Amino acid sequence: MPLVRVDMHTSLAPQQARLSAAIHKGLVDGLEMPADDLFQIFRLHDLGELVYTKTFPNADRTDIVFIQILLARMYSAADKQRMYRHVVDELKAVGIKQDNVLIAVTENEGSDWFAPEKET
C-alpha cells in the first residue's frame, strides 16, 4: 500500500487529476500492485517555495515535481527501477518533462501500517 506525496507548483494544479492518474498507473504497472490501492497527498506551492537545482545530475529542469513514495519493504531494486520508469513515462505522456521529476522512495515494514479490514 504505497502512500504517495506530491509537491508541485500551483501552476500545475489544473493538471492534478491527470498527474494523479499517471503516477498511480505507473505504480500499478511498475510494481504490479492492485489498481484500487490508491493513497495520494498533493501539496501545492507558490513559486519560490520549492528549492532545487536546475542541472543536477545532468538535468535541464524548467520546474520540479517532487514525488515521495512510502512503501512496505517488499520490492526488489529491479522492481523499484521498473516503477520509476513507468511513473516517468506516464508523466511524460501528460506533458511533464522527465528532467522535472524527482522520485524518492522510503521503505518500512508491513507492521508499520494500519489499514482497517472489512468489518463483519
N, C-alpha and C. Protein backbone atom coordinates (compact mmCIF):
# COMPACT_ATOMS: atom_id res chain seq x y z
N MET A 1 0.84 -1.17 0.00
CA MET A 1 0.00 0.00 0.00
C MET A 1 0.89 1.23 0.00
N PRO A 2 1.33 1.68 -1.14
CA PRO A 2 2.15 2.89 -1.18
C PRO A 2 1.35 4.12 -0.75
N LEU A 3 2.02 5.00 -0.05
CA LEU A 3 1.48 6.31 0.26
C LEU A 3 2.33 7.30 -0.52
N VAL A 4 1.70 8.06 -1.40
CA VAL A 4 2.41 8.95 -2.31
C VAL A 4 2.15 10.40 -1.92
N ARG A 5 3.21 11.15 -1.76
CA ARG A 5 3.12 12.59 -1.51
C ARG A 5 3.74 13.31 -2.70
N VAL A 6 3.00 14.27 -3.23
CA VAL A 6 3.47 15.01 -4.39
C VAL A 6 3.50 16.49 -4.02
N ASP A 7 4.66 17.09 -4.20
CA ASP A 7 4.81 18.53 -4.01
C ASP A 7 5.08 19.14 -5.37
N MET A 8 4.29 20.16 -5.72
CA MET A 8 4.43 20.78 -7.03
C MET A 8 3.95 22.23 -6.95
N HIS A 9 4.28 23.00 -7.97
CA HIS A 9 3.87 24.40 -8.01
C HIS A 9 2.38 24.51 -8.32
N THR A 10 1.78 25.57 -7.81
CA THR A 10 0.34 25.80 -8.03
C THR A 10 0.00 25.92 -9.51
N SER A 11 0.95 26.28 -10.33
CA SER A 11 0.69 26.37 -11.77
C SER A 11 0.29 25.03 -12.38
N LEU A 12 0.64 23.93 -11.72
CA LEU A 12 0.28 22.60 -12.20
C LEU A 12 -1.06 22.11 -11.64
N ALA A 13 -1.70 22.89 -10.79
CA ALA A 13 -2.97 22.48 -10.16
C ALA A 13 -4.03 22.04 -11.18
N PRO A 14 -4.18 22.73 -12.32
CA PRO A 14 -5.19 22.27 -13.28
C PRO A 14 -4.92 20.85 -13.82
N GLN A 15 -3.69 20.39 -13.71
CA GLN A 15 -3.32 19.05 -14.19
C GLN A 15 -3.30 18.01 -13.07
N GLN A 16 -3.70 18.37 -11.88
CA GLN A 16 -3.55 17.47 -10.73
C GLN A 16 -4.21 16.12 -10.96
N ALA A 17 -5.42 16.08 -11.48
CA ALA A 17 -6.10 14.80 -11.69
C ALA A 17 -5.35 13.94 -12.69
N ARG A 18 -4.82 14.56 -13.74
CA ARG A 18 -4.05 13.79 -14.74
C ARG A 18 -2.73 13.29 -14.16
N LEU A 19 -2.09 14.13 -13.35
CA LEU A 19 -0.84 13.71 -12.71
C LEU A 19 -1.09 12.58 -11.72
N SER A 20 -2.16 12.70 -10.96
CA SER A 20 -2.53 11.64 -10.02
C SER A 20 -2.72 10.32 -10.75
N ALA A 21 -3.50 10.35 -11.82
CA ALA A 21 -3.77 9.13 -12.59
C ALA A 21 -2.48 8.57 -13.20
N ALA A 22 -1.61 9.44 -13.69
CA ALA A 22 -0.36 8.99 -14.31
C ALA A 22 0.55 8.33 -13.28
N ILE A 23 0.70 8.96 -12.12
CA ILE A 23 1.54 8.39 -11.06
C ILE A 23 0.98 7.04 -10.63
N HIS A 24 -0.32 7.00 -10.43
CA HIS A 24 -0.94 5.75 -9.98
C HIS A 24 -0.77 4.64 -11.01
N LYS A 25 -0.99 4.96 -12.29
CA LYS A 25 -0.82 3.93 -13.33
C LYS A 25 0.63 3.44 -13.36
N GLY A 26 1.58 4.35 -13.18
CA GLY A 26 2.99 3.94 -13.13
C GLY A 26 3.28 3.00 -11.99
N LEU A 27 2.67 3.24 -10.84
CA LEU A 27 2.84 2.35 -9.69
C LEU A 27 2.18 1.00 -9.94
N VAL A 28 0.96 1.03 -10.45
CA VAL A 28 0.23 -0.22 -10.71
C VAL A 28 0.99 -1.07 -11.72
N ASP A 29 1.40 -0.46 -12.82
CA ASP A 29 2.12 -1.21 -13.86
C ASP A 29 3.53 -1.59 -13.42
N GLY A 30 4.21 -0.67 -12.77
CA GLY A 30 5.61 -0.90 -12.40
C GLY A 30 5.80 -1.86 -11.25
N LEU A 31 4.87 -1.83 -10.29
CA LEU A 31 5.00 -2.71 -9.12
C LEU A 31 3.99 -3.86 -9.14
N GLU A 32 3.20 -3.91 -10.18
CA GLU A 32 2.16 -4.95 -10.32
C GLU A 32 1.29 -4.99 -9.06
N MET A 33 0.86 -3.82 -8.63
CA MET A 33 0.01 -3.73 -7.44
C MET A 33 -1.45 -3.58 -7.85
N PRO A 34 -2.39 -3.81 -6.95
CA PRO A 34 -3.81 -3.72 -7.29
C PRO A 34 -4.18 -2.29 -7.68
N ALA A 35 -5.06 -2.16 -8.65
CA ALA A 35 -5.47 -0.85 -9.15
C ALA A 35 -6.23 -0.04 -8.12
N ASP A 36 -6.85 -0.71 -7.14
CA ASP A 36 -7.62 0.05 -6.15
C ASP A 36 -6.77 0.45 -4.93
N ASP A 37 -5.47 0.26 -5.00
CA ASP A 37 -4.55 0.64 -3.93
C ASP A 37 -4.07 2.06 -4.20
N LEU A 38 -4.91 3.04 -3.89
CA LEU A 38 -4.65 4.43 -4.25
C LEU A 38 -4.70 5.31 -3.00
N PHE A 39 -3.54 5.85 -2.62
CA PHE A 39 -3.43 6.76 -1.48
C PHE A 39 -2.40 7.83 -1.84
N GLN A 40 -2.89 9.06 -2.06
CA GLN A 40 -2.02 10.14 -2.51
C GLN A 40 -2.33 11.42 -1.74
N ILE A 41 -1.31 12.23 -1.53
CA ILE A 41 -1.44 13.55 -0.93
C ILE A 41 -0.75 14.54 -1.85
N PHE A 42 -1.47 15.54 -2.30
CA PHE A 42 -0.89 16.60 -3.14
C PHE A 42 -0.75 17.87 -2.32
N ARG A 43 0.42 18.49 -2.42
CA ARG A 43 0.66 19.77 -1.77
C ARG A 43 1.11 20.76 -2.84
N LEU A 44 0.39 21.86 -2.92
CA LEU A 44 0.68 22.89 -3.91
C LEU A 44 1.52 23.99 -3.28
N HIS A 45 2.46 24.52 -4.06
CA HIS A 45 3.40 25.52 -3.55
C HIS A 45 3.48 26.70 -4.50
N ASP A 46 3.62 27.88 -3.91
CA ASP A 46 3.87 29.09 -4.70
C ASP A 46 5.30 29.06 -5.22
N LEU A 47 5.56 29.86 -6.25
CA LEU A 47 6.92 29.98 -6.76
C LEU A 47 7.85 30.41 -5.63
N GLY A 48 9.01 29.79 -5.58
CA GLY A 48 9.99 30.10 -4.55
C GLY A 48 9.93 29.18 -3.34
N GLU A 49 8.84 28.43 -3.20
CA GLU A 49 8.73 27.53 -2.05
C GLU A 49 9.38 26.17 -2.30
N LEU A 50 9.58 25.81 -3.54
CA LEU A 50 10.28 24.57 -3.89
C LEU A 50 11.67 24.97 -4.38
N VAL A 51 12.68 24.52 -3.68
CA VAL A 51 14.05 24.90 -3.98
C VAL A 51 14.76 23.68 -4.58
N TYR A 52 15.38 23.89 -5.72
CA TYR A 52 16.03 22.78 -6.42
C TYR A 52 17.05 23.33 -7.40
N THR A 53 18.02 22.49 -7.74
CA THR A 53 18.98 22.87 -8.77
C THR A 53 18.38 22.53 -10.13
N LYS A 54 18.68 23.34 -11.09
CA LYS A 54 18.14 23.11 -12.44
C LYS A 54 19.00 22.12 -13.24
N THR A 55 20.19 21.80 -12.73
CA THR A 55 21.11 21.00 -13.53
C THR A 55 21.59 19.69 -12.93
N PHE A 56 21.40 19.45 -11.64
CA PHE A 56 21.95 18.23 -11.01
C PHE A 56 20.98 17.09 -11.11
N PRO A 57 21.38 15.86 -11.39
CA PRO A 57 22.63 15.47 -12.03
C PRO A 57 22.43 15.40 -13.54
N ASN A 58 23.06 16.21 -14.27
CA ASN A 58 22.95 16.27 -15.73
C ASN A 58 21.52 16.50 -16.19
N ALA A 59 20.78 17.32 -15.47
CA ALA A 59 19.39 17.60 -15.81
C ALA A 59 19.27 18.98 -16.46
N ASP A 60 18.12 19.22 -17.05
CA ASP A 60 17.77 20.51 -17.63
C ASP A 60 16.35 20.83 -17.18
N ARG A 61 16.23 21.19 -15.89
CA ARG A 61 14.91 21.41 -15.28
C ARG A 61 14.37 22.79 -15.61
N THR A 62 13.06 22.81 -15.86
CA THR A 62 12.34 24.06 -16.01
C THR A 62 11.32 24.21 -14.87
N ASP A 63 11.13 23.16 -14.10
CA ASP A 63 10.20 23.11 -12.97
C ASP A 63 10.55 21.86 -12.17
N ILE A 64 9.80 21.57 -11.13
CA ILE A 64 10.04 20.35 -10.34
C ILE A 64 8.73 19.78 -9.86
N VAL A 65 8.65 18.46 -9.90
CA VAL A 65 7.56 17.71 -9.27
C VAL A 65 8.24 16.70 -8.37
N PHE A 66 8.15 16.94 -7.05
CA PHE A 66 8.73 16.03 -6.08
C PHE A 66 7.71 14.94 -5.76
N ILE A 67 8.11 13.69 -5.89
CA ILE A 67 7.22 12.57 -5.58
C ILE A 67 7.92 11.72 -4.53
N GLN A 68 7.31 11.63 -3.36
CA GLN A 68 7.85 10.80 -2.29
C GLN A 68 6.90 9.62 -2.09
N ILE A 69 7.45 8.42 -2.15
CA ILE A 69 6.64 7.21 -2.06
C ILE A 69 7.08 6.41 -0.84
N LEU A 70 6.13 6.16 0.05
CA LEU A 70 6.38 5.32 1.22
C LEU A 70 5.87 3.92 0.87
N LEU A 71 6.77 2.95 0.89
CA LEU A 71 6.46 1.56 0.51
C LEU A 71 6.80 0.60 1.64
N ALA A 72 6.03 -0.45 1.75
CA ALA A 72 6.45 -1.56 2.61
C ALA A 72 7.68 -2.20 1.97
N ARG A 73 8.63 -2.60 2.78
CA ARG A 73 9.87 -3.19 2.28
C ARG A 73 9.57 -4.59 1.73
N MET A 74 9.24 -4.64 0.46
CA MET A 74 8.92 -5.93 -0.17
C MET A 74 9.27 -5.95 -1.65
N TYR A 75 9.82 -4.85 -2.14
CA TYR A 75 10.13 -4.75 -3.57
C TYR A 75 11.64 -4.78 -3.77
N SER A 76 12.05 -5.44 -4.83
CA SER A 76 13.48 -5.50 -5.15
C SER A 76 13.92 -4.19 -5.81
N ALA A 77 15.23 -4.02 -5.92
CA ALA A 77 15.76 -2.85 -6.61
C ALA A 77 15.26 -2.82 -8.05
N ALA A 78 15.19 -3.97 -8.69
CA ALA A 78 14.70 -4.03 -10.08
C ALA A 78 13.23 -3.61 -10.15
N ASP A 79 12.43 -4.04 -9.17
CA ASP A 79 11.02 -3.63 -9.13
C ASP A 79 10.91 -2.11 -9.05
N LYS A 80 11.71 -1.51 -8.18
CA LYS A 80 11.64 -0.06 -7.99
C LYS A 80 12.12 0.67 -9.24
N GLN A 81 13.17 0.19 -9.87
CA GLN A 81 13.65 0.81 -11.10
C GLN A 81 12.58 0.74 -12.20
N ARG A 82 11.91 -0.40 -12.30
CA ARG A 82 10.81 -0.54 -13.27
C ARG A 82 9.69 0.44 -12.95
N MET A 83 9.36 0.58 -11.68
CA MET A 83 8.32 1.51 -11.27
C MET A 83 8.70 2.95 -11.62
N TYR A 84 9.94 3.35 -11.35
CA TYR A 84 10.37 4.71 -11.69
C TYR A 84 10.16 4.98 -13.18
N ARG A 85 10.58 4.02 -14.00
CA ARG A 85 10.46 4.18 -15.45
C ARG A 85 8.99 4.33 -15.85
N HIS A 86 8.12 3.50 -15.28
CA HIS A 86 6.69 3.58 -15.61
C HIS A 86 6.10 4.91 -15.17
N VAL A 87 6.43 5.37 -13.98
CA VAL A 87 5.89 6.64 -13.50
C VAL A 87 6.35 7.78 -14.40
N VAL A 88 7.64 7.82 -14.69
CA VAL A 88 8.17 8.90 -15.54
C VAL A 88 7.54 8.85 -16.92
N ASP A 89 7.40 7.67 -17.50
CA ASP A 89 6.78 7.56 -18.83
C ASP A 89 5.34 8.04 -18.81
N GLU A 90 4.60 7.69 -17.76
CA GLU A 90 3.20 8.14 -17.66
C GLU A 90 3.13 9.66 -17.49
N LEU A 91 4.04 10.22 -16.71
CA LEU A 91 4.05 11.67 -16.54
C LEU A 91 4.45 12.38 -17.83
N LYS A 92 5.40 11.81 -18.56
CA LYS A 92 5.77 12.40 -19.85
C LYS A 92 4.57 12.42 -20.79
N ALA A 93 3.74 11.39 -20.73
CA ALA A 93 2.57 11.30 -21.61
C ALA A 93 1.54 12.40 -21.31
N VAL A 94 1.58 12.97 -20.11
CA VAL A 94 0.66 14.07 -19.78
C VAL A 94 1.38 15.42 -19.78
N GLY A 95 2.61 15.45 -20.32
CA GLY A 95 3.28 16.71 -20.54
C GLY A 95 4.30 17.15 -19.51
N ILE A 96 4.67 16.27 -18.59
CA ILE A 96 5.69 16.61 -17.59
C ILE A 96 7.05 16.13 -18.09
N LYS A 97 7.96 17.05 -18.23
CA LYS A 97 9.31 16.75 -18.71
C LYS A 97 10.02 15.82 -17.73
N GLN A 98 10.70 14.81 -18.24
CA GLN A 98 11.40 13.83 -17.41
C GLN A 98 12.36 14.51 -16.43
N ASP A 99 13.08 15.51 -16.88
CA ASP A 99 14.04 16.19 -16.01
C ASP A 99 13.37 16.94 -14.86
N ASN A 100 12.05 17.15 -14.96
CA ASN A 100 11.32 17.89 -13.93
C ASN A 100 10.75 16.97 -12.84
N VAL A 101 11.06 15.69 -12.91
CA VAL A 101 10.53 14.72 -11.96
C VAL A 101 11.66 14.25 -11.04
N LEU A 102 11.39 14.26 -9.74
CA LEU A 102 12.31 13.69 -8.76
C LEU A 102 11.50 12.76 -7.87
N ILE A 103 11.88 11.48 -7.86
CA ILE A 103 11.16 10.47 -7.07
C ILE A 103 12.09 9.95 -5.98
N ALA A 104 11.57 9.90 -4.77
CA ALA A 104 12.31 9.31 -3.65
C ALA A 104 11.42 8.28 -2.97
N VAL A 105 11.97 7.12 -2.71
CA VAL A 105 11.24 6.05 -2.03
C VAL A 105 11.79 5.88 -0.62
N THR A 106 10.89 5.75 0.33
CA THR A 106 11.23 5.39 1.70
C THR A 106 10.50 4.09 1.99
N GLU A 107 11.19 3.17 2.66
CA GLU A 107 10.58 1.87 2.94
C GLU A 107 10.42 1.65 4.44
N ASN A 108 9.40 0.90 4.78
CA ASN A 108 9.21 0.48 6.16
C ASN A 108 8.66 -0.94 6.15
N GLU A 109 8.38 -1.46 7.32
CA GLU A 109 7.89 -2.84 7.44
C GLU A 109 6.37 -2.87 7.37
N GLY A 110 5.83 -4.00 7.01
CA GLY A 110 4.38 -4.17 6.97
C GLY A 110 3.72 -3.87 8.30
N SER A 111 4.42 -4.17 9.40
CA SER A 111 3.87 -3.91 10.73
C SER A 111 3.78 -2.42 11.05
N ASP A 112 4.38 -1.56 10.21
CA ASP A 112 4.33 -0.12 10.43
C ASP A 112 3.08 0.52 9.84
N TRP A 113 2.21 -0.28 9.24
CA TRP A 113 0.99 0.22 8.59
C TRP A 113 -0.24 -0.23 9.35
N PHE A 114 -1.26 0.62 9.34
CA PHE A 114 -2.59 0.21 9.77
C PHE A 114 -3.54 0.57 8.65
N ALA A 115 -4.31 -0.40 8.24
CA ALA A 115 -5.41 -0.18 7.30
C ALA A 115 -6.54 -1.06 7.79
N PRO A 116 -7.71 -0.49 7.97
CA PRO A 116 -8.81 -1.27 8.53
C PRO A 116 -9.22 -2.41 7.60
N GLU A 117 -9.59 -3.49 8.20
CA GLU A 117 -10.15 -4.62 7.45
C GLU A 117 -11.65 -4.49 7.43
N LYS A 118 -12.30 -5.18 6.51
CA LYS A 118 -13.75 -5.16 6.46
C LYS A 118 -14.32 -5.66 7.77
N GLU A 119 -15.29 -4.93 8.25
CA GLU A 119 -15.98 -5.40 9.45
C GLU A 119 -17.00 -6.44 9.05
N THR A 120 -17.15 -7.41 9.89
CA THR A 120 -18.14 -8.47 9.59
C THR A 120 -19.36 -8.32 10.45
